[in-house]
Every structure is written in C-alpha cells, then in structure tokens.
Amino acid sequence: MAYAARSELKPSGLKGISENQVAQHWKLYEGYVANVNALKGELEALRQEGKGGTPLFADRRRRFGFELNGMVLHEYYFGNLRAGAAEPAESSALRGALAGQYGSFEAWKEDFARCGASRSIGWAALLLDPATGGLTNHFVQLHEEGNVAGFAPVLLMDVWEHAYMVDYGAGGRSDCIKAFFENVAWGVVERRFVSAKAGQIPARW
C-alpha cells in the first residue's frame, strides 16, 4: 500500500501564518510521503534479495522510521490547524481535563508553549496516556525521541525552523507559537481526546 499526501488537511486563511509559509511547509510534508513510499519499496527489495541482515538494510530501516514519523506528525499537525479558530468552551471535556491537571486551561497553555520553546528541533505534543487518562505535554526531538510508546496524540505543534522561517525568520519561534494558538482547530483536538479516552487511536484525517 502506498501513502498519499492528504490534501484535505492543507490549511488556508490562517492568522499569522501566511499562505507561502503553509505552501513551503506542505512541500516538506509531501517529501516525507514520497520518501516513505520509496523506502518501503527499497526495504522490500532488499528483503527479497536476502539482504535483511545487512548494514544497508539496518540503515534504511532506521531512516524509514524517521520519515514515517515525519509524515504522521505532519498529518496530525496540519489536521489541527483551521482558520477562524476559537478556544474551547468552558464546558469542553478537554478543557476541563486540562484544567484539572494543570490548575487551569491557561496554565496548561503556558506549559505547552514553554514545551515548544525547548532549545532543540522537533515538536510540542499533548499526549494522552490510555492507561490512566492523563494528559501530558512532551517535547519530541526530531520525529522520534520523546514520543511515548502507546500514548495517543491529541495536539501537535511543529517547532522545526521550517514551520516558521518564511514568516518570522530563524529566530521567530516565539512568534510561531503565538500564531499557532490563533489557529488551533479545537473541535478536531476535542474529537481526538474523546477517541483516545475511549481507547481508540485518534484518526489523522
């Protein structure tokens, strides 16, 4: 099965994130999709040739994980951006859960922003532990380090430089984080939370 870029996830009309920024970022996502498909084919060919134990195969397998995580994280990220976004209602189950754990929705939001400001390349991720129902903020370095096995993604924020350099330059991460919060599709995030609480893996599209 080949993967395809999910065009329905591409946002537009965002506040503080230009169409050019989205277009450049989207090209990188398409690159991850293309690389995933190419590596799937390469790994299968190496297996068929009896080269599954070679250093080349091991290298390609590691790269496949990086590219696949890059594809998946971008699908969650683009999927939780929408123009005209508004913060979740006071009655929101997600807002209530975050307030219960962090003291207030605003305190959670501040912690998530600080998570995204970590001095590294990667992602800020709000993840749900399906065993306890707890929500925690994590910094995912690159696409792999910091992802917690079995935890469900609820909200993803890309803080690689490519997510904001077009609009804000190399030092513009703080502006990128502010713009991100102006465009969070809280309805989508709420559905992911409800799915994760029910023991389901939240859909990427």
N, C-alpha and C. Protein backbone atom coordinates (compact mmCIF):
# COMPACT_ATOMS: atom_id res chain seq x y z
N MET A 1 0.84 -1.19 0.00
CA MET A 1 0.00 0.00 0.00
C MET A 1 0.88 1.25 0.00
N ALA A 2 0.62 2.13 -0.92
CA ALA A 2 1.36 3.39 -1.00
C ALA A 2 0.60 4.48 -0.26
N TYR A 3 1.34 5.35 0.40
CA TYR A 3 0.74 6.51 1.06
C TYR A 3 0.60 7.66 0.06
N ALA A 4 -0.33 8.56 0.35
CA ALA A 4 -0.52 9.76 -0.48
C ALA A 4 -0.67 10.96 0.43
N ALA A 5 -0.19 12.10 -0.02
CA ALA A 5 -0.37 13.34 0.74
C ALA A 5 -1.86 13.63 0.87
N ARG A 6 -2.28 13.98 2.06
CA ARG A 6 -3.71 14.19 2.35
C ARG A 6 -4.06 15.65 2.11
N SER A 7 -4.44 15.97 0.89
CA SER A 7 -4.67 17.36 0.51
C SER A 7 -5.78 18.01 1.33
N GLU A 8 -6.71 17.21 1.86
CA GLU A 8 -7.80 17.79 2.65
C GLU A 8 -7.32 18.38 3.97
N LEU A 9 -6.09 18.05 4.37
CA LEU A 9 -5.55 18.57 5.62
C LEU A 9 -4.85 19.92 5.45
N LYS A 10 -4.60 20.33 4.21
CA LYS A 10 -3.82 21.56 3.98
C LYS A 10 -4.63 22.78 4.40
N PRO A 11 -4.15 23.53 5.40
CA PRO A 11 -4.91 24.68 5.89
C PRO A 11 -4.71 25.91 5.01
N SER A 12 -5.63 26.84 5.10
CA SER A 12 -5.50 28.11 4.38
C SER A 12 -6.22 29.20 5.17
N GLY A 13 -5.87 30.43 4.87
CA GLY A 13 -6.52 31.56 5.54
C GLY A 13 -6.19 31.68 7.00
N LEU A 14 -5.03 31.17 7.41
CA LEU A 14 -4.66 31.19 8.82
C LEU A 14 -4.26 32.59 9.27
N LYS A 15 -4.38 32.84 10.55
CA LYS A 15 -4.00 34.12 11.13
C LYS A 15 -2.54 34.04 11.57
N GLY A 16 -1.69 34.88 10.99
CA GLY A 16 -0.30 34.92 11.40
C GLY A 16 0.57 33.86 10.77
N ILE A 17 -0.01 33.02 9.91
CA ILE A 17 0.75 32.01 9.18
C ILE A 17 0.37 32.17 7.71
N SER A 18 1.30 32.65 6.91
CA SER A 18 0.97 33.03 5.53
C SER A 18 0.74 31.83 4.64
N GLU A 19 0.11 32.09 3.49
CA GLU A 19 -0.11 31.04 2.51
C GLU A 19 1.22 30.51 1.99
N ASN A 20 2.20 31.40 1.85
CA ASN A 20 3.52 30.96 1.39
C ASN A 20 4.18 30.06 2.42
N GLN A 21 4.06 30.41 3.69
CA GLN A 21 4.62 29.55 4.74
C GLN A 21 3.99 28.16 4.70
N VAL A 22 2.67 28.12 4.58
CA VAL A 22 1.97 26.83 4.51
C VAL A 22 2.43 26.05 3.27
N ALA A 23 2.55 26.74 2.12
CA ALA A 23 2.93 26.07 0.89
C ALA A 23 4.32 25.47 0.98
N GLN A 24 5.27 26.23 1.54
CA GLN A 24 6.63 25.71 1.68
C GLN A 24 6.68 24.54 2.65
N HIS A 25 5.93 24.65 3.74
CA HIS A 25 5.88 23.58 4.74
C HIS A 25 5.22 22.33 4.14
N TRP A 26 4.20 22.54 3.34
CA TRP A 26 3.48 21.42 2.73
C TRP A 26 4.39 20.64 1.78
N LYS A 27 5.27 21.33 1.09
CA LYS A 27 6.21 20.64 0.20
C LYS A 27 7.11 19.69 0.98
N LEU A 28 7.50 20.10 2.19
CA LEU A 28 8.31 19.22 3.03
C LEU A 28 7.52 17.98 3.44
N TYR A 29 6.26 18.20 3.78
CA TYR A 29 5.39 17.06 4.13
C TYR A 29 5.27 16.10 2.94
N GLU A 30 5.07 16.64 1.75
CA GLU A 30 4.99 15.78 0.56
C GLU A 30 6.29 15.00 0.36
N GLY A 31 7.40 15.62 0.74
CA GLY A 31 8.68 14.92 0.66
C GLY A 31 8.74 13.73 1.60
N TYR A 32 8.19 13.88 2.79
CA TYR A 32 8.15 12.75 3.73
C TYR A 32 7.31 11.61 3.14
N VAL A 33 6.17 11.96 2.56
CA VAL A 33 5.31 10.93 1.97
C VAL A 33 6.05 10.19 0.87
N ALA A 34 6.72 10.94 -0.01
CA ALA A 34 7.46 10.32 -1.11
C ALA A 34 8.58 9.43 -0.59
N ASN A 35 9.29 9.89 0.43
CA ASN A 35 10.40 9.11 0.98
C ASN A 35 9.91 7.84 1.67
N VAL A 36 8.77 7.93 2.35
CA VAL A 36 8.19 6.74 2.98
C VAL A 36 7.90 5.67 1.92
N ASN A 37 7.28 6.07 0.84
CA ASN A 37 6.96 5.11 -0.21
C ASN A 37 8.22 4.53 -0.85
N ALA A 38 9.21 5.40 -1.09
CA ALA A 38 10.45 4.92 -1.70
C ALA A 38 11.17 3.93 -0.78
N LEU A 39 11.20 4.24 0.52
CA LEU A 39 11.89 3.36 1.47
C LEU A 39 11.14 2.04 1.66
N LYS A 40 9.81 2.10 1.62
CA LYS A 40 9.05 0.85 1.69
C LYS A 40 9.45 -0.08 0.54
N GLY A 41 9.56 0.48 -0.66
CA GLY A 41 9.95 -0.30 -1.81
C GLY A 41 11.38 -0.82 -1.71
N GLU A 42 12.26 0.04 -1.21
CA GLU A 42 13.67 -0.36 -1.09
C GLU A 42 13.84 -1.47 -0.06
N LEU A 43 13.15 -1.36 1.07
CA LEU A 43 13.23 -2.39 2.11
C LEU A 43 12.69 -3.72 1.62
N GLU A 44 11.59 -3.66 0.89
CA GLU A 44 11.00 -4.89 0.37
C GLU A 44 11.95 -5.55 -0.64
N ALA A 45 12.56 -4.75 -1.49
CA ALA A 45 13.50 -5.29 -2.47
C ALA A 45 14.70 -5.94 -1.78
N LEU A 46 15.21 -5.30 -0.75
CA LEU A 46 16.34 -5.87 -0.01
C LEU A 46 15.94 -7.17 0.69
N ARG A 47 14.76 -7.23 1.22
CA ARG A 47 14.28 -8.47 1.84
C ARG A 47 14.22 -9.59 0.81
N GLN A 48 13.65 -9.27 -0.36
CA GLN A 48 13.51 -10.27 -1.41
C GLN A 48 14.87 -10.78 -1.89
N GLU A 49 15.87 -9.93 -1.78
CA GLU A 49 17.23 -10.30 -2.20
C GLU A 49 18.00 -11.00 -1.09
N GLY A 50 17.37 -11.24 0.05
CA GLY A 50 18.04 -11.88 1.17
C GLY A 50 19.03 -11.01 1.89
N LYS A 51 18.83 -9.69 1.81
CA LYS A 51 19.77 -8.74 2.42
C LYS A 51 19.21 -8.09 3.68
N GLY A 52 18.25 -8.78 4.32
CA GLY A 52 17.62 -8.20 5.51
C GLY A 52 18.53 -8.06 6.71
N GLY A 53 19.68 -8.72 6.69
CA GLY A 53 20.61 -8.62 7.81
C GLY A 53 21.81 -7.75 7.52
N THR A 54 21.77 -6.99 6.45
CA THR A 54 22.93 -6.18 6.06
C THR A 54 22.92 -4.81 6.73
N PRO A 55 24.09 -4.17 6.85
CA PRO A 55 24.13 -2.81 7.36
C PRO A 55 23.27 -1.85 6.55
N LEU A 56 23.21 -2.05 5.24
CA LEU A 56 22.38 -1.18 4.39
C LEU A 56 20.91 -1.29 4.79
N PHE A 57 20.44 -2.53 5.01
CA PHE A 57 19.05 -2.71 5.40
C PHE A 57 18.77 -2.03 6.74
N ALA A 58 19.70 -2.21 7.70
CA ALA A 58 19.53 -1.59 9.02
C ALA A 58 19.46 -0.07 8.91
N ASP A 59 20.31 0.51 8.06
CA ASP A 59 20.31 1.95 7.86
C ASP A 59 18.99 2.41 7.24
N ARG A 60 18.52 1.69 6.23
CA ARG A 60 17.27 2.05 5.56
C ARG A 60 16.08 1.89 6.52
N ARG A 61 16.11 0.89 7.40
CA ARG A 61 15.03 0.70 8.36
C ARG A 61 14.96 1.87 9.35
N ARG A 62 16.13 2.31 9.83
CA ARG A 62 16.15 3.46 10.73
C ARG A 62 15.62 4.70 10.03
N ARG A 63 16.04 4.90 8.79
CA ARG A 63 15.57 6.07 8.04
C ARG A 63 14.08 6.00 7.79
N PHE A 64 13.57 4.81 7.57
CA PHE A 64 12.14 4.64 7.34
C PHE A 64 11.35 5.11 8.56
N GLY A 65 11.82 4.79 9.77
CA GLY A 65 11.13 5.25 10.97
C GLY A 65 11.10 6.77 11.07
N PHE A 66 12.22 7.41 10.73
CA PHE A 66 12.28 8.87 10.77
C PHE A 66 11.30 9.48 9.78
N GLU A 67 11.32 9.00 8.54
CA GLU A 67 10.46 9.56 7.50
C GLU A 67 8.98 9.29 7.82
N LEU A 68 8.68 8.09 8.31
CA LEU A 68 7.29 7.75 8.61
C LEU A 68 6.75 8.59 9.76
N ASN A 69 7.56 8.77 10.81
CA ASN A 69 7.14 9.63 11.90
C ASN A 69 6.95 11.07 11.42
N GLY A 70 7.84 11.51 10.51
CA GLY A 70 7.69 12.85 9.96
C GLY A 70 6.38 13.02 9.22
N MET A 71 6.01 12.02 8.45
CA MET A 71 4.74 12.07 7.72
C MET A 71 3.56 12.11 8.68
N VAL A 72 3.55 11.20 9.64
CA VAL A 72 2.42 11.09 10.56
C VAL A 72 2.26 12.34 11.42
N LEU A 73 3.37 12.84 11.97
CA LEU A 73 3.29 14.03 12.82
C LEU A 73 2.78 15.24 12.02
N HIS A 74 3.22 15.37 10.78
CA HIS A 74 2.73 16.49 9.97
C HIS A 74 1.23 16.35 9.68
N GLU A 75 0.75 15.14 9.52
CA GLU A 75 -0.69 14.97 9.29
C GLU A 75 -1.50 15.37 10.52
N TYR A 76 -1.03 15.01 11.69
CA TYR A 76 -1.70 15.48 12.91
C TYR A 76 -1.60 17.00 13.04
N TYR A 77 -0.42 17.54 12.73
CA TYR A 77 -0.20 18.98 12.85
C TYR A 77 -1.11 19.77 11.90
N PHE A 78 -1.04 19.46 10.61
CA PHE A 78 -1.89 20.19 9.67
C PHE A 78 -3.37 19.96 9.98
N GLY A 79 -3.69 18.79 10.47
CA GLY A 79 -5.08 18.48 10.80
C GLY A 79 -5.63 19.25 11.98
N ASN A 80 -4.73 19.77 12.85
CA ASN A 80 -5.24 20.55 13.98
C ASN A 80 -5.06 22.07 13.79
N LEU A 81 -4.99 22.49 12.51
CA LEU A 81 -4.97 23.92 12.19
C LEU A 81 -6.18 24.28 11.34
N ARG A 82 -6.86 25.35 11.70
CA ARG A 82 -8.01 25.84 10.94
C ARG A 82 -8.10 27.35 11.07
N ALA A 83 -8.54 28.00 10.01
CA ALA A 83 -8.80 29.44 10.08
C ALA A 83 -10.02 29.70 10.95
N GLY A 84 -10.02 30.85 11.60
CA GLY A 84 -11.17 31.25 12.41
C GLY A 84 -11.35 30.44 13.67
N ALA A 85 -10.27 29.92 14.22
CA ALA A 85 -10.37 29.08 15.41
C ALA A 85 -10.73 29.89 16.64
N ALA A 86 -11.42 29.25 17.57
CA ALA A 86 -11.76 29.86 18.85
C ALA A 86 -11.39 28.87 19.95
N GLU A 87 -11.05 29.37 21.13
CA GLU A 87 -10.66 28.49 22.23
C GLU A 87 -11.84 27.60 22.64
N PRO A 88 -11.55 26.42 23.19
CA PRO A 88 -12.64 25.51 23.58
C PRO A 88 -13.55 26.13 24.63
N ALA A 89 -14.82 25.79 24.56
CA ALA A 89 -15.81 26.32 25.51
C ALA A 89 -15.50 25.86 26.92
N GLU A 90 -16.01 26.59 27.90
CA GLU A 90 -15.80 26.23 29.30
C GLU A 90 -16.34 24.82 29.58
N SER A 91 -17.36 24.41 28.83
CA SER A 91 -17.97 23.10 29.03
C SER A 91 -17.22 21.97 28.34
N SER A 92 -16.17 22.29 27.60
CA SER A 92 -15.40 21.29 26.86
C SER A 92 -14.79 20.26 27.79
N ALA A 93 -14.94 18.99 27.43
CA ALA A 93 -14.36 17.90 28.23
C ALA A 93 -12.84 18.02 28.25
N LEU A 94 -12.25 18.37 27.12
CA LEU A 94 -10.80 18.52 27.05
C LEU A 94 -10.34 19.67 27.94
N ARG A 95 -11.01 20.79 27.83
CA ARG A 95 -10.62 21.95 28.65
C ARG A 95 -10.72 21.61 30.13
N GLY A 96 -11.78 20.90 30.50
CA GLY A 96 -11.95 20.50 31.89
C GLY A 96 -10.84 19.58 32.35
N ALA A 97 -10.44 18.64 31.50
CA ALA A 97 -9.38 17.70 31.85
C ALA A 97 -8.05 18.43 32.01
N LEU A 98 -7.76 19.37 31.11
CA LEU A 98 -6.51 20.12 31.19
C LEU A 98 -6.49 21.00 32.43
N ALA A 99 -7.61 21.64 32.72
CA ALA A 99 -7.69 22.48 33.92
C ALA A 99 -7.53 21.63 35.18
N GLY A 100 -8.10 20.43 35.17
CA GLY A 100 -8.00 19.55 36.33
C GLY A 100 -6.57 19.12 36.61
N GLN A 101 -5.78 18.97 35.56
CA GLN A 101 -4.41 18.51 35.73
C GLN A 101 -3.40 19.64 35.90
N TYR A 102 -3.66 20.78 35.27
CA TYR A 102 -2.69 21.87 35.29
C TYR A 102 -3.13 23.06 36.16
N GLY A 103 -4.33 22.98 36.71
CA GLY A 103 -4.83 24.07 37.54
C GLY A 103 -5.74 25.00 36.79
N SER A 104 -5.49 25.19 35.51
CA SER A 104 -6.35 25.99 34.64
C SER A 104 -5.95 25.71 33.20
N PHE A 105 -6.86 26.03 32.28
CA PHE A 105 -6.54 25.88 30.86
C PHE A 105 -5.37 26.78 30.49
N GLU A 106 -5.35 27.99 31.06
CA GLU A 106 -4.29 28.93 30.75
C GLU A 106 -2.93 28.42 31.23
N ALA A 107 -2.91 27.74 32.39
CA ALA A 107 -1.65 27.19 32.90
C ALA A 107 -1.14 26.07 31.99
N TRP A 108 -2.08 25.23 31.50
CA TRP A 108 -1.67 24.20 30.54
C TRP A 108 -1.10 24.84 29.28
N LYS A 109 -1.79 25.87 28.79
CA LYS A 109 -1.37 26.53 27.54
C LYS A 109 0.03 27.12 27.70
N GLU A 110 0.31 27.72 28.85
CA GLU A 110 1.64 28.28 29.11
C GLU A 110 2.70 27.17 29.12
N ASP A 111 2.37 26.02 29.72
CA ASP A 111 3.32 24.92 29.77
C ASP A 111 3.57 24.35 28.37
N PHE A 112 2.51 24.27 27.56
CA PHE A 112 2.66 23.76 26.20
C PHE A 112 3.54 24.70 25.38
N ALA A 113 3.33 26.01 25.55
CA ALA A 113 4.15 26.99 24.83
C ALA A 113 5.62 26.87 25.26
N ARG A 114 5.86 26.69 26.54
CA ARG A 114 7.24 26.53 27.02
C ARG A 114 7.85 25.23 26.50
N CYS A 115 7.03 24.21 26.40
CA CYS A 115 7.48 22.95 25.82
C CYS A 115 7.96 23.19 24.39
N GLY A 116 7.18 23.92 23.61
CA GLY A 116 7.53 24.22 22.24
C GLY A 116 8.76 25.10 22.12
N ALA A 117 9.06 25.86 23.17
CA ALA A 117 10.21 26.76 23.15
C ALA A 117 11.51 26.04 23.52
N SER A 118 11.44 24.74 23.79
CA SER A 118 12.65 23.98 24.14
C SER A 118 13.72 24.18 23.08
N ARG A 119 14.96 24.33 23.52
CA ARG A 119 16.04 24.63 22.58
C ARG A 119 16.47 23.35 21.86
N SER A 120 15.75 23.01 20.86
CA SER A 120 16.02 21.83 20.05
C SER A 120 15.08 21.88 18.86
N ILE A 121 15.32 21.04 17.89
CA ILE A 121 14.39 20.92 16.77
C ILE A 121 13.41 19.80 17.07
N GLY A 122 12.16 20.01 16.74
CA GLY A 122 11.18 18.95 17.00
C GLY A 122 9.76 19.46 17.12
N TRP A 123 9.06 18.91 18.09
CA TRP A 123 7.62 19.09 18.21
C TRP A 123 7.21 19.24 19.67
N ALA A 124 6.18 20.04 19.90
CA ALA A 124 5.47 20.01 21.18
C ALA A 124 4.24 19.13 20.98
N ALA A 125 4.03 18.21 21.90
CA ALA A 125 2.94 17.24 21.74
C ALA A 125 2.15 17.10 23.03
N LEU A 126 0.85 17.26 22.93
CA LEU A 126 -0.05 16.92 24.03
C LEU A 126 -0.49 15.48 23.80
N LEU A 127 -0.12 14.61 24.73
CA LEU A 127 -0.40 13.18 24.58
C LEU A 127 -1.27 12.68 25.72
N LEU A 128 -2.09 11.69 25.42
CA LEU A 128 -2.94 11.06 26.44
C LEU A 128 -2.43 9.65 26.74
N ASP A 129 -2.30 9.35 28.02
CA ASP A 129 -1.94 8.01 28.46
C ASP A 129 -3.22 7.19 28.54
N PRO A 130 -3.45 6.23 27.64
CA PRO A 130 -4.70 5.48 27.63
C PRO A 130 -4.89 4.61 28.87
N ALA A 131 -3.81 4.33 29.57
CA ALA A 131 -3.93 3.50 30.78
C ALA A 131 -4.50 4.28 31.95
N THR A 132 -4.25 5.60 31.99
CA THR A 132 -4.70 6.41 33.13
C THR A 132 -5.66 7.53 32.73
N GLY A 133 -5.70 7.87 31.45
CA GLY A 133 -6.49 9.01 31.00
C GLY A 133 -5.80 10.34 31.20
N GLY A 134 -4.55 10.30 31.70
CA GLY A 134 -3.82 11.54 31.96
C GLY A 134 -3.30 12.19 30.69
N LEU A 135 -3.23 13.51 30.72
CA LEU A 135 -2.73 14.32 29.60
C LEU A 135 -1.41 14.96 30.01
N THR A 136 -0.40 14.85 29.16
CA THR A 136 0.89 15.47 29.46
C THR A 136 1.50 16.07 28.21
N ASN A 137 2.27 17.14 28.42
CA ASN A 137 2.99 17.80 27.34
C ASN A 137 4.37 17.19 27.21
N HIS A 138 4.79 16.93 25.98
CA HIS A 138 6.09 16.32 25.73
C HIS A 138 6.79 17.05 24.60
N PHE A 139 8.13 17.13 24.69
CA PHE A 139 8.91 17.62 23.56
C PHE A 139 9.45 16.42 22.82
N VAL A 140 9.14 16.34 21.53
CA VAL A 140 9.60 15.24 20.68
C VAL A 140 10.73 15.78 19.82
N GLN A 141 11.95 15.33 20.09
CA GLN A 141 13.10 15.78 19.32
C GLN A 141 13.17 15.04 17.99
N LEU A 142 13.55 15.77 16.93
CA LEU A 142 13.46 15.22 15.58
C LEU A 142 12.03 14.74 15.36
N HIS A 143 11.81 13.47 15.07
CA HIS A 143 10.46 12.93 14.97
C HIS A 143 10.24 11.77 15.92
N GLU A 144 11.31 11.33 16.60
CA GLU A 144 11.21 10.09 17.37
C GLU A 144 11.45 10.26 18.86
N GLU A 145 12.54 10.91 19.26
CA GLU A 145 12.93 10.94 20.66
C GLU A 145 11.94 11.76 21.49
N GLY A 146 11.33 11.11 22.46
CA GLY A 146 10.34 11.79 23.30
C GLY A 146 8.93 11.32 23.03
N ASN A 147 8.70 10.64 21.90
CA ASN A 147 7.40 10.01 21.67
C ASN A 147 7.24 8.87 22.67
N VAL A 148 6.16 8.86 23.41
CA VAL A 148 5.96 7.84 24.44
C VAL A 148 5.15 6.69 23.85
N ALA A 149 5.69 5.50 23.91
CA ALA A 149 5.03 4.33 23.31
C ALA A 149 3.64 4.12 23.88
N GLY A 150 2.66 4.01 22.98
CA GLY A 150 1.29 3.74 23.38
C GLY A 150 0.47 4.96 23.73
N PHE A 151 1.10 6.12 23.90
CA PHE A 151 0.35 7.33 24.21
C PHE A 151 -0.31 7.84 22.92
N ALA A 152 -1.47 8.48 23.06
CA ALA A 152 -2.24 8.93 21.91
C ALA A 152 -2.03 10.42 21.67
N PRO A 153 -1.78 10.83 20.43
CA PRO A 153 -1.60 12.25 20.11
C PRO A 153 -2.93 13.00 20.14
N VAL A 154 -2.93 14.13 20.83
CA VAL A 154 -4.13 14.96 20.93
C VAL A 154 -3.91 16.30 20.23
N LEU A 155 -2.74 16.91 20.44
CA LEU A 155 -2.42 18.19 19.79
C LEU A 155 -0.93 18.18 19.45
N LEU A 156 -0.60 18.57 18.21
CA LEU A 156 0.79 18.62 17.75
C LEU A 156 1.13 20.01 17.25
N MET A 157 2.31 20.50 17.65
CA MET A 157 2.82 21.78 17.16
C MET A 157 4.24 21.57 16.64
N ASP A 158 4.45 21.88 15.38
CA ASP A 158 5.76 21.77 14.75
C ASP A 158 6.59 22.99 15.11
N VAL A 159 7.78 22.77 15.69
CA VAL A 159 8.66 23.90 16.00
C VAL A 159 10.03 23.74 15.34
N TRP A 160 10.12 22.90 14.30
CA TRP A 160 11.29 22.95 13.43
C TRP A 160 11.30 24.33 12.76
N GLU A 161 12.49 24.80 12.40
CA GLU A 161 12.58 26.12 11.77
C GLU A 161 11.75 26.22 10.49
N HIS A 162 11.59 25.10 9.79
CA HIS A 162 10.83 25.17 8.53
C HIS A 162 9.36 25.52 8.75
N ALA A 163 8.88 25.41 10.00
CA ALA A 163 7.49 25.73 10.29
C ALA A 163 7.23 27.23 10.39
N TYR A 164 8.31 28.04 10.49
CA TYR A 164 8.08 29.47 10.68
C TYR A 164 9.08 30.39 9.98
N MET A 165 10.13 29.85 9.38
CA MET A 165 11.18 30.73 8.83
C MET A 165 10.70 31.65 7.73
N VAL A 166 9.75 31.22 6.93
CA VAL A 166 9.25 32.07 5.85
C VAL A 166 8.63 33.34 6.42
N ASP A 167 7.86 33.19 7.49
CA ASP A 167 7.15 34.33 8.07
C ASP A 167 7.97 35.09 9.10
N TYR A 168 8.76 34.38 9.90
CA TYR A 168 9.36 35.01 11.08
C TYR A 168 10.88 34.90 11.17
N GLY A 169 11.52 34.25 10.21
CA GLY A 169 12.96 34.12 10.26
C GLY A 169 13.41 33.04 11.23
N ALA A 170 14.73 32.82 11.26
CA ALA A 170 15.28 31.72 12.05
C ALA A 170 15.04 31.89 13.55
N GLY A 171 14.92 33.13 14.02
CA GLY A 171 14.72 33.37 15.45
C GLY A 171 13.28 33.60 15.84
N GLY A 172 12.35 33.22 14.98
CA GLY A 172 10.95 33.57 15.21
C GLY A 172 10.09 32.51 15.86
N ARG A 173 10.68 31.60 16.63
CA ARG A 173 9.85 30.53 17.18
C ARG A 173 8.76 31.04 18.12
N SER A 174 9.07 32.05 18.93
CA SER A 174 8.05 32.56 19.86
C SER A 174 6.86 33.14 19.10
N ASP A 175 7.12 33.81 17.98
CA ASP A 175 6.02 34.33 17.16
C ASP A 175 5.24 33.19 16.52
N CYS A 176 5.95 32.15 16.11
CA CYS A 176 5.31 30.97 15.54
C CYS A 176 4.35 30.33 16.54
N ILE A 177 4.77 30.24 17.80
CA ILE A 177 3.94 29.62 18.84
C ILE A 177 2.68 30.45 19.07
N LYS A 178 2.83 31.77 19.11
CA LYS A 178 1.67 32.65 19.27
C LYS A 178 0.70 32.47 18.11
N ALA A 179 1.23 32.43 16.89
CA ALA A 179 0.38 32.26 15.71
C ALA A 179 -0.30 30.90 15.74
N PHE A 180 0.42 29.88 16.17
CA PHE A 180 -0.17 28.54 16.25
C PHE A 180 -1.44 28.55 17.10
N PHE A 181 -1.39 29.18 18.26
CA PHE A 181 -2.55 29.19 19.15
C PHE A 181 -3.72 29.98 18.58
N GLU A 182 -3.44 30.85 17.61
CA GLU A 182 -4.53 31.60 16.95
C GLU A 182 -5.30 30.73 15.98
N ASN A 183 -4.77 29.53 15.68
CA ASN A 183 -5.33 28.72 14.60
C ASN A 183 -5.61 27.26 14.98
N VAL A 184 -5.61 26.95 16.27
CA VAL A 184 -5.86 25.57 16.68
C VAL A 184 -7.32 25.21 16.44
N ALA A 185 -7.54 24.12 15.74
CA ALA A 185 -8.90 23.61 15.48
C ALA A 185 -9.33 22.79 16.69
N TRP A 186 -9.88 23.47 17.69
CA TRP A 186 -10.17 22.80 18.96
C TRP A 186 -11.23 21.72 18.82
N GLY A 187 -12.10 21.84 17.83
CA GLY A 187 -13.07 20.78 17.59
C GLY A 187 -12.39 19.48 17.21
N VAL A 188 -11.37 19.58 16.35
CA VAL A 188 -10.59 18.41 15.95
C VAL A 188 -9.86 17.83 17.16
N VAL A 189 -9.24 18.71 17.94
CA VAL A 189 -8.48 18.27 19.11
C VAL A 189 -9.40 17.59 20.12
N GLU A 190 -10.59 18.15 20.29
CA GLU A 190 -11.56 17.55 21.21
C GLU A 190 -11.95 16.14 20.76
N ARG A 191 -12.15 15.96 19.45
CA ARG A 191 -12.51 14.63 18.94
C ARG A 191 -11.37 13.64 19.17
N ARG A 192 -10.15 14.09 19.00
CA ARG A 192 -9.01 13.20 19.28
C ARG A 192 -9.00 12.80 20.75
N PHE A 193 -9.25 13.76 21.62
CA PHE A 193 -9.28 13.48 23.06
C PHE A 193 -10.35 12.46 23.40
N VAL A 194 -11.53 12.65 22.87
CA VAL A 194 -12.65 11.73 23.14
C VAL A 194 -12.31 10.32 22.62
N SER A 195 -11.75 10.25 21.43
CA SER A 195 -11.35 8.95 20.86
C SER A 195 -10.31 8.27 21.73
N ALA A 196 -9.30 9.03 22.14
CA ALA A 196 -8.24 8.47 22.96
C ALA A 196 -8.76 7.99 24.31
N LYS A 197 -9.68 8.77 24.90
CA LYS A 197 -10.28 8.36 26.18
C LYS A 197 -11.06 7.07 26.04
N ALA A 198 -11.61 6.84 24.85
CA ALA A 198 -12.38 5.63 24.58
C ALA A 198 -11.49 4.45 24.18
N GLY A 199 -10.18 4.66 24.22
CA GLY A 199 -9.25 3.59 23.89
C GLY A 199 -8.97 3.45 22.41
N GLN A 200 -9.33 4.44 21.62
CA GLN A 200 -9.09 4.40 20.18
C GLN A 200 -7.89 5.28 19.81
N ILE A 201 -7.20 4.93 18.75
CA ILE A 201 -6.13 5.79 18.25
C ILE A 201 -6.78 6.91 17.44
N PRO A 202 -6.54 8.17 17.81
CA PRO A 202 -7.17 9.28 17.08
C PRO A 202 -6.84 9.25 15.59
N ALA A 203 -7.85 9.47 14.78
CA ALA A 203 -7.66 9.46 13.32
C ALA A 203 -6.81 10.65 12.89
N ARG A 204 -5.94 10.44 11.90
CA ARG A 204 -5.12 11.55 11.39
C ARG A 204 -5.89 12.35 10.34
N TRP A 205 -6.91 11.80 9.74
CA TRP A 205 -7.73 12.53 8.76
C TRP A 205 -9.15 12.00 8.80
